[in-house]
N, C-alpha and C. Protein backbone atom coordinates (compact mmCIF):
# COMPACT_ATOMS: atom_id res chain seq x y z
N MET A 1 0.81 -1.19 0.00
CA MET A 1 0.00 0.00 0.00
C MET A 1 0.86 1.26 0.00
N ASN A 2 2.01 1.24 0.63
CA ASN A 2 2.91 2.39 0.67
C ASN A 2 3.44 2.74 -0.72
N THR A 3 3.61 1.79 -1.61
CA THR A 3 4.14 2.06 -2.94
C THR A 3 3.06 2.68 -3.84
N LYS A 4 1.80 2.44 -3.55
CA LYS A 4 0.73 2.99 -4.37
C LYS A 4 0.35 4.42 -3.94
N LEU A 5 0.65 4.78 -2.73
CA LEU A 5 0.26 6.08 -2.21
C LEU A 5 0.90 7.25 -2.98
N PRO A 6 2.21 7.24 -3.26
CA PRO A 6 2.78 8.36 -4.02
C PRO A 6 2.17 8.50 -5.42
N ARG A 7 1.90 7.37 -6.08
CA ARG A 7 1.28 7.42 -7.42
C ARG A 7 -0.14 7.96 -7.32
N LEU A 8 -0.85 7.53 -6.31
CA LEU A 8 -2.22 7.98 -6.11
C LEU A 8 -2.25 9.49 -5.84
N LEU A 9 -1.34 9.99 -5.02
CA LEU A 9 -1.26 11.41 -4.75
C LEU A 9 -0.89 12.20 -6.01
N ALA A 10 0.02 11.68 -6.81
CA ALA A 10 0.43 12.35 -8.05
C ALA A 10 -0.76 12.46 -9.00
N VAL A 11 -1.54 11.41 -9.12
CA VAL A 11 -2.72 11.42 -9.99
C VAL A 11 -3.74 12.42 -9.46
N ALA A 12 -3.92 12.45 -8.15
CA ALA A 12 -4.88 13.37 -7.54
C ALA A 12 -4.45 14.82 -7.77
N PHE A 13 -3.18 15.13 -7.59
CA PHE A 13 -2.70 16.48 -7.84
C PHE A 13 -2.83 16.88 -9.30
N ALA A 14 -2.51 15.98 -10.20
CA ALA A 14 -2.62 16.26 -11.64
C ALA A 14 -4.07 16.53 -12.01
N THR A 15 -4.99 15.76 -11.46
CA THR A 15 -6.42 15.96 -11.74
C THR A 15 -6.87 17.31 -11.23
N CYS A 16 -6.45 17.69 -10.03
CA CYS A 16 -6.82 18.99 -9.47
C CYS A 16 -6.26 20.12 -10.32
N ALA A 17 -5.04 19.96 -10.78
CA ALA A 17 -4.42 20.99 -11.61
C ALA A 17 -5.18 21.16 -12.91
N LEU A 18 -5.57 20.08 -13.54
CA LEU A 18 -6.34 20.16 -14.79
C LEU A 18 -7.69 20.82 -14.57
N ILE A 19 -8.33 20.49 -13.47
CA ILE A 19 -9.64 21.07 -13.17
C ILE A 19 -9.51 22.57 -12.93
N ALA A 20 -8.43 22.99 -12.29
CA ALA A 20 -8.24 24.41 -11.99
C ALA A 20 -7.85 25.21 -13.23
N VAL A 21 -7.08 24.61 -14.15
CA VAL A 21 -6.59 25.32 -15.32
C VAL A 21 -7.64 25.38 -16.43
N ALA A 22 -8.44 24.39 -16.60
CA ALA A 22 -9.40 24.32 -17.70
C ALA A 22 -10.37 25.51 -17.72
N PRO A 23 -11.01 25.89 -16.62
CA PRO A 23 -11.91 27.05 -16.69
C PRO A 23 -11.19 28.36 -17.01
N ALA A 24 -9.95 28.51 -16.56
CA ALA A 24 -9.20 29.72 -16.83
C ALA A 24 -8.91 29.86 -18.32
N GLN A 25 -8.66 28.75 -19.00
CA GLN A 25 -8.40 28.81 -20.42
C GLN A 25 -9.67 29.12 -21.20
N GLU A 26 -10.80 28.64 -20.75
CA GLU A 26 -12.06 28.89 -21.44
C GLU A 26 -12.49 30.35 -21.30
N ALA A 27 -12.07 31.02 -20.23
CA ALA A 27 -12.51 32.39 -19.97
C ALA A 27 -11.84 33.40 -20.90
N LYS A 28 -10.76 33.02 -21.60
CA LYS A 28 -10.07 33.95 -22.48
C LYS A 28 -10.95 34.27 -23.68
N PRO A 29 -11.11 35.55 -23.99
CA PRO A 29 -11.92 35.93 -25.14
C PRO A 29 -11.20 35.61 -26.45
N GLU A 30 -11.97 35.51 -27.49
CA GLU A 30 -11.40 35.29 -28.81
C GLU A 30 -10.61 36.54 -29.21
N HIS A 31 -9.82 36.41 -30.26
CA HIS A 31 -9.02 37.54 -30.75
C HIS A 31 -9.95 38.70 -31.06
N LYS A 32 -9.74 39.79 -30.35
CA LYS A 32 -10.58 40.97 -30.51
C LYS A 32 -10.00 41.84 -31.62
N GLU A 33 -10.82 42.20 -32.58
CA GLU A 33 -10.37 43.05 -33.67
C GLU A 33 -10.20 44.47 -33.15
N LYS A 34 -9.03 45.05 -33.43
CA LYS A 34 -8.75 46.41 -32.97
C LYS A 34 -9.30 47.40 -33.98
N GLY A 35 -9.88 48.44 -33.47
CA GLY A 35 -10.36 49.51 -34.32
C GLY A 35 -9.41 50.69 -34.22
N PRO A 36 -9.77 51.80 -34.83
CA PRO A 36 -8.90 52.98 -34.75
C PRO A 36 -8.91 53.57 -33.35
N SER A 37 -7.85 54.25 -33.02
CA SER A 37 -7.79 54.91 -31.71
C SER A 37 -8.83 56.02 -31.67
N LYS A 38 -9.13 56.48 -30.49
CA LYS A 38 -10.11 57.56 -30.32
C LYS A 38 -9.66 58.81 -31.07
N ALA A 39 -8.36 59.12 -30.99
CA ALA A 39 -7.83 60.30 -31.68
C ALA A 39 -7.97 60.15 -33.19
N ASN A 40 -7.64 58.97 -33.72
CA ASN A 40 -7.78 58.76 -35.16
C ASN A 40 -9.24 58.79 -35.59
N LEU A 41 -10.11 58.28 -34.76
CA LEU A 41 -11.54 58.31 -35.08
C LEU A 41 -12.02 59.75 -35.16
N GLU A 42 -11.62 60.57 -34.20
CA GLU A 42 -12.02 61.99 -34.22
C GLU A 42 -11.45 62.71 -35.44
N LYS A 43 -10.23 62.37 -35.81
CA LYS A 43 -9.56 63.06 -36.91
C LYS A 43 -10.08 62.62 -38.28
N TYR A 44 -10.36 61.33 -38.47
CA TYR A 44 -10.64 60.81 -39.81
C TYR A 44 -12.11 60.44 -40.05
N ASP A 45 -12.93 60.40 -39.03
CA ASP A 45 -14.34 60.03 -39.21
C ASP A 45 -15.11 61.23 -39.76
N ALA A 46 -15.03 61.44 -41.06
CA ALA A 46 -15.60 62.62 -41.70
C ALA A 46 -17.12 62.68 -41.56
N ASN A 47 -17.79 61.53 -41.65
CA ASN A 47 -19.26 61.53 -41.58
C ASN A 47 -19.78 61.35 -40.15
N LYS A 48 -18.87 61.27 -39.18
CA LYS A 48 -19.20 61.21 -37.75
C LYS A 48 -20.19 60.08 -37.41
N ASP A 49 -19.96 58.90 -38.04
CA ASP A 49 -20.83 57.76 -37.75
C ASP A 49 -20.22 56.82 -36.69
N GLY A 50 -19.07 57.19 -36.14
CA GLY A 50 -18.46 56.40 -35.08
C GLY A 50 -17.56 55.29 -35.57
N LYS A 51 -17.35 55.20 -36.88
CA LYS A 51 -16.45 54.17 -37.43
C LYS A 51 -15.84 54.71 -38.70
N LEU A 52 -14.73 54.11 -39.10
CA LEU A 52 -14.06 54.55 -40.31
C LEU A 52 -14.49 53.68 -41.48
N ASP A 53 -15.00 54.31 -42.52
CA ASP A 53 -15.35 53.55 -43.72
C ASP A 53 -14.09 53.39 -44.57
N GLU A 54 -14.25 52.82 -45.75
CA GLU A 54 -13.10 52.52 -46.60
C GLU A 54 -12.32 53.77 -46.99
N ALA A 55 -13.01 54.82 -47.37
CA ALA A 55 -12.33 56.06 -47.79
C ALA A 55 -11.62 56.72 -46.61
N GLU A 56 -12.25 56.73 -45.46
CA GLU A 56 -11.65 57.33 -44.27
C GLU A 56 -10.41 56.55 -43.83
N THR A 57 -10.49 55.22 -43.91
CA THR A 57 -9.35 54.37 -43.57
C THR A 57 -8.22 54.60 -44.55
N ALA A 58 -8.55 54.72 -45.82
CA ALA A 58 -7.53 54.98 -46.84
C ALA A 58 -6.82 56.30 -46.58
N LYS A 59 -7.57 57.33 -46.19
CA LYS A 59 -6.98 58.63 -45.87
C LYS A 59 -6.05 58.52 -44.67
N MET A 60 -6.48 57.80 -43.64
CA MET A 60 -5.67 57.62 -42.44
C MET A 60 -4.37 56.89 -42.80
N ASN A 61 -4.48 55.81 -43.59
CA ASN A 61 -3.30 55.04 -43.97
C ASN A 61 -2.35 55.86 -44.85
N ALA A 62 -2.91 56.68 -45.74
CA ALA A 62 -2.08 57.55 -46.58
C ALA A 62 -1.33 58.56 -45.73
N ASP A 63 -2.00 59.13 -44.74
CA ASP A 63 -1.34 60.08 -43.85
C ASP A 63 -0.22 59.41 -43.05
N LYS A 64 -0.47 58.19 -42.58
CA LYS A 64 0.55 57.45 -41.83
C LYS A 64 1.76 57.16 -42.71
N GLU A 65 1.51 56.77 -43.95
CA GLU A 65 2.60 56.48 -44.89
C GLU A 65 3.39 57.75 -45.20
N ALA A 66 2.68 58.87 -45.38
CA ALA A 66 3.36 60.14 -45.64
C ALA A 66 4.24 60.54 -44.45
N ALA A 67 3.73 60.32 -43.24
CA ALA A 67 4.51 60.64 -42.03
C ALA A 67 5.75 59.75 -41.95
N LYS A 68 5.58 58.48 -42.30
CA LYS A 68 6.71 57.54 -42.29
C LYS A 68 7.77 57.98 -43.31
N GLN A 69 7.32 58.37 -44.50
CA GLN A 69 8.26 58.81 -45.53
C GLN A 69 8.97 60.10 -45.13
N ALA A 70 8.24 61.00 -44.49
CA ALA A 70 8.84 62.25 -44.03
C ALA A 70 9.89 61.97 -42.96
N ARG A 71 9.58 61.02 -42.07
CA ARG A 71 10.53 60.64 -41.02
C ARG A 71 11.79 60.06 -41.64
N LEU A 72 11.61 59.17 -42.62
CA LEU A 72 12.77 58.58 -43.28
C LEU A 72 13.59 59.65 -44.01
N ALA A 73 12.90 60.57 -44.67
CA ALA A 73 13.62 61.62 -45.40
C ALA A 73 14.44 62.48 -44.45
N LYS A 74 13.92 62.70 -43.26
CA LYS A 74 14.61 63.57 -42.31
C LYS A 74 15.72 62.85 -41.53
N TYR A 75 15.48 61.61 -41.11
CA TYR A 75 16.40 60.95 -40.18
C TYR A 75 17.20 59.79 -40.77
N ASP A 76 16.78 59.22 -41.88
CA ASP A 76 17.49 58.08 -42.46
C ASP A 76 18.68 58.58 -43.26
N THR A 77 19.75 58.93 -42.57
CA THR A 77 20.90 59.56 -43.22
C THR A 77 21.67 58.60 -44.11
N ASN A 78 21.67 57.31 -43.80
CA ASN A 78 22.39 56.36 -44.64
C ASN A 78 21.51 55.77 -45.76
N LYS A 79 20.27 56.21 -45.83
CA LYS A 79 19.32 55.85 -46.89
C LYS A 79 19.16 54.34 -47.08
N ASP A 80 19.05 53.63 -45.92
CA ASP A 80 18.83 52.18 -46.00
C ASP A 80 17.36 51.81 -45.84
N GLY A 81 16.49 52.82 -45.77
CA GLY A 81 15.06 52.56 -45.69
C GLY A 81 14.53 52.35 -44.28
N LYS A 82 15.37 52.54 -43.29
CA LYS A 82 14.93 52.42 -41.89
C LYS A 82 15.75 53.35 -41.03
N VAL A 83 15.18 53.67 -39.86
CA VAL A 83 15.87 54.54 -38.91
C VAL A 83 16.58 53.63 -37.90
N ASP A 84 17.92 53.62 -37.97
CA ASP A 84 18.68 52.76 -37.06
C ASP A 84 18.86 53.46 -35.71
N LYS A 85 19.60 52.83 -34.82
CA LYS A 85 19.75 53.32 -33.45
C LYS A 85 20.36 54.72 -33.40
N THR A 86 21.40 54.96 -34.16
CA THR A 86 22.06 56.26 -34.16
C THR A 86 21.12 57.34 -34.69
N GLU A 87 20.42 57.02 -35.77
CA GLU A 87 19.47 57.97 -36.36
C GLU A 87 18.31 58.24 -35.40
N ALA A 88 17.88 57.20 -34.69
CA ALA A 88 16.80 57.35 -33.72
C ALA A 88 17.21 58.25 -32.57
N GLU A 89 18.48 58.21 -32.19
CA GLU A 89 18.97 59.09 -31.13
C GLU A 89 18.90 60.55 -31.56
N VAL A 90 19.20 60.82 -32.83
CA VAL A 90 19.10 62.18 -33.36
C VAL A 90 17.63 62.62 -33.33
N GLU A 91 16.74 61.71 -33.74
CA GLU A 91 15.30 62.01 -33.73
C GLU A 91 14.83 62.30 -32.30
N LYS A 92 15.28 61.50 -31.35
CA LYS A 92 14.90 61.69 -29.95
C LYS A 92 15.38 63.05 -29.44
N ALA A 93 16.60 63.41 -29.80
CA ALA A 93 17.14 64.71 -29.37
C ALA A 93 16.31 65.85 -29.97
N ASP A 94 15.93 65.71 -31.23
CA ASP A 94 15.08 66.73 -31.86
C ASP A 94 13.74 66.85 -31.15
N LYS A 95 13.16 65.71 -30.80
CA LYS A 95 11.87 65.74 -30.10
C LYS A 95 11.99 66.37 -28.73
N GLU A 96 13.07 66.06 -28.01
CA GLU A 96 13.28 66.65 -26.69
C GLU A 96 13.49 68.16 -26.80
N LYS A 97 14.21 68.60 -27.83
CA LYS A 97 14.43 70.04 -28.04
C LYS A 97 13.10 70.73 -28.34
N ALA A 98 12.29 70.13 -29.20
CA ALA A 98 10.99 70.72 -29.54
C ALA A 98 10.10 70.78 -28.31
N LYS A 99 10.15 69.74 -27.48
CA LYS A 99 9.34 69.72 -26.26
C LYS A 99 9.78 70.83 -25.31
N ALA A 100 11.08 71.01 -25.17
CA ALA A 100 11.60 72.07 -24.30
C ALA A 100 11.17 73.44 -24.81
N GLU A 101 11.18 73.61 -26.11
CA GLU A 101 10.75 74.90 -26.69
C GLU A 101 9.26 75.14 -26.45
N ARG A 102 8.45 74.07 -26.59
CA ARG A 102 7.01 74.21 -26.31
C ARG A 102 6.76 74.56 -24.86
N GLU A 103 7.48 73.91 -23.96
CA GLU A 103 7.32 74.19 -22.54
C GLU A 103 7.75 75.61 -22.20
N LYS A 104 8.83 76.08 -22.83
CA LYS A 104 9.30 77.45 -22.60
C LYS A 104 8.25 78.44 -23.09
N ALA A 105 7.70 78.21 -24.28
CA ALA A 105 6.67 79.10 -24.82
C ALA A 105 5.43 79.09 -23.93
N LYS A 106 5.08 77.92 -23.42
CA LYS A 106 3.92 77.81 -22.53
C LYS A 106 4.16 78.60 -21.24
N ALA A 107 5.37 78.48 -20.69
CA ALA A 107 5.70 79.20 -19.45
C ALA A 107 5.69 80.71 -19.70
N GLU A 108 6.22 81.14 -20.84
CA GLU A 108 6.20 82.57 -21.16
C GLU A 108 4.78 83.08 -21.33
N LYS A 109 3.95 82.28 -21.98
CA LYS A 109 2.55 82.66 -22.17
C LYS A 109 1.84 82.77 -20.83
N GLN A 110 2.11 81.81 -19.94
CA GLN A 110 1.50 81.82 -18.61
C GLN A 110 1.98 83.03 -17.81
N ALA A 111 3.27 83.36 -17.92
CA ALA A 111 3.81 84.52 -17.19
C ALA A 111 3.18 85.81 -17.71
N ALA A 112 3.00 85.91 -19.03
CA ALA A 112 2.37 87.09 -19.61
C ALA A 112 0.92 87.21 -19.15
N LYS A 113 0.25 86.07 -19.09
CA LYS A 113 -1.14 86.05 -18.64
C LYS A 113 -1.24 86.51 -17.18
N GLU A 114 -0.35 86.02 -16.35
CA GLU A 114 -0.36 86.40 -14.93
C GLU A 114 0.00 87.88 -14.76
N ALA A 115 0.94 88.37 -15.56
CA ALA A 115 1.33 89.77 -15.49
C ALA A 115 0.17 90.67 -15.92
N LYS A 116 -0.52 90.26 -16.95
CA LYS A 116 -1.67 91.03 -17.42
C LYS A 116 -2.77 91.04 -16.37
N LYS A 117 -2.96 89.90 -15.75
CA LYS A 117 -3.98 89.79 -14.70
C LYS A 117 -3.63 90.68 -13.51
N ALA A 118 -2.34 90.78 -13.22
CA ALA A 118 -1.89 91.62 -12.11
C ALA A 118 -1.84 93.10 -12.48
N GLY A 119 -2.08 93.40 -13.76
CA GLY A 119 -2.10 94.79 -14.19
C GLY A 119 -0.77 95.32 -14.64
N HIS A 120 0.18 94.45 -14.91
CA HIS A 120 1.50 94.87 -15.36
C HIS A 120 1.67 94.49 -16.82
N GLU A 121 2.44 95.31 -17.49
CA GLU A 121 2.79 95.02 -18.88
C GLU A 121 3.92 93.99 -18.87
N PRO A 122 3.77 92.87 -19.56
CA PRO A 122 4.86 91.88 -19.57
C PRO A 122 6.07 92.45 -20.30
N LYS A 123 7.24 92.12 -19.79
CA LYS A 123 8.47 92.60 -20.42
C LYS A 123 8.87 91.66 -21.54
N SER A 124 8.97 92.21 -22.70
CA SER A 124 9.47 91.42 -23.83
C SER A 124 10.93 91.75 -23.99
N PRO A 125 11.69 90.91 -24.68
CA PRO A 125 13.12 91.19 -24.86
C PRO A 125 13.36 92.54 -25.55
N GLN A 126 12.44 93.02 -26.39
CA GLN A 126 12.62 94.28 -27.08
C GLN A 126 12.36 95.47 -26.16
N ASN A 127 11.52 95.33 -25.15
CA ASN A 127 11.15 96.42 -24.26
C ASN A 127 12.07 96.58 -23.05
N GLN A 128 13.14 95.83 -22.96
CA GLN A 128 13.98 95.86 -21.77
C GLN A 128 14.98 97.00 -21.79
N ASN A 129 15.08 97.77 -22.85
CA ASN A 129 16.06 98.87 -22.94
C ASN A 129 15.69 100.01 -22.09
């Protein structure tokens, strides 16, 4: 009886494991078809029906392809048809510079708004003389 006990326990554990795993696998949904993002839907849904028809999808895809080509034209310096690691670093630096400029402009605009609210004329670089 002692030699059958380990086998019996192994079978019992395997059965419990199968029972526990089977419902979890059944609960997975089928492959869900992805639609356009909310931003793309707002931008390309010309007839505002909540979905992209064939023409709207074609316009979105054409814009994406144009953006890809523009990116390659700007950053693909070795003209191999892709942006490699070095080229991507240049792109990242450009994006960070543009972000810093936007933040600076936003801060200047906010400062001008606060100065106007306080009743002061904001100082521009030309008016500092």
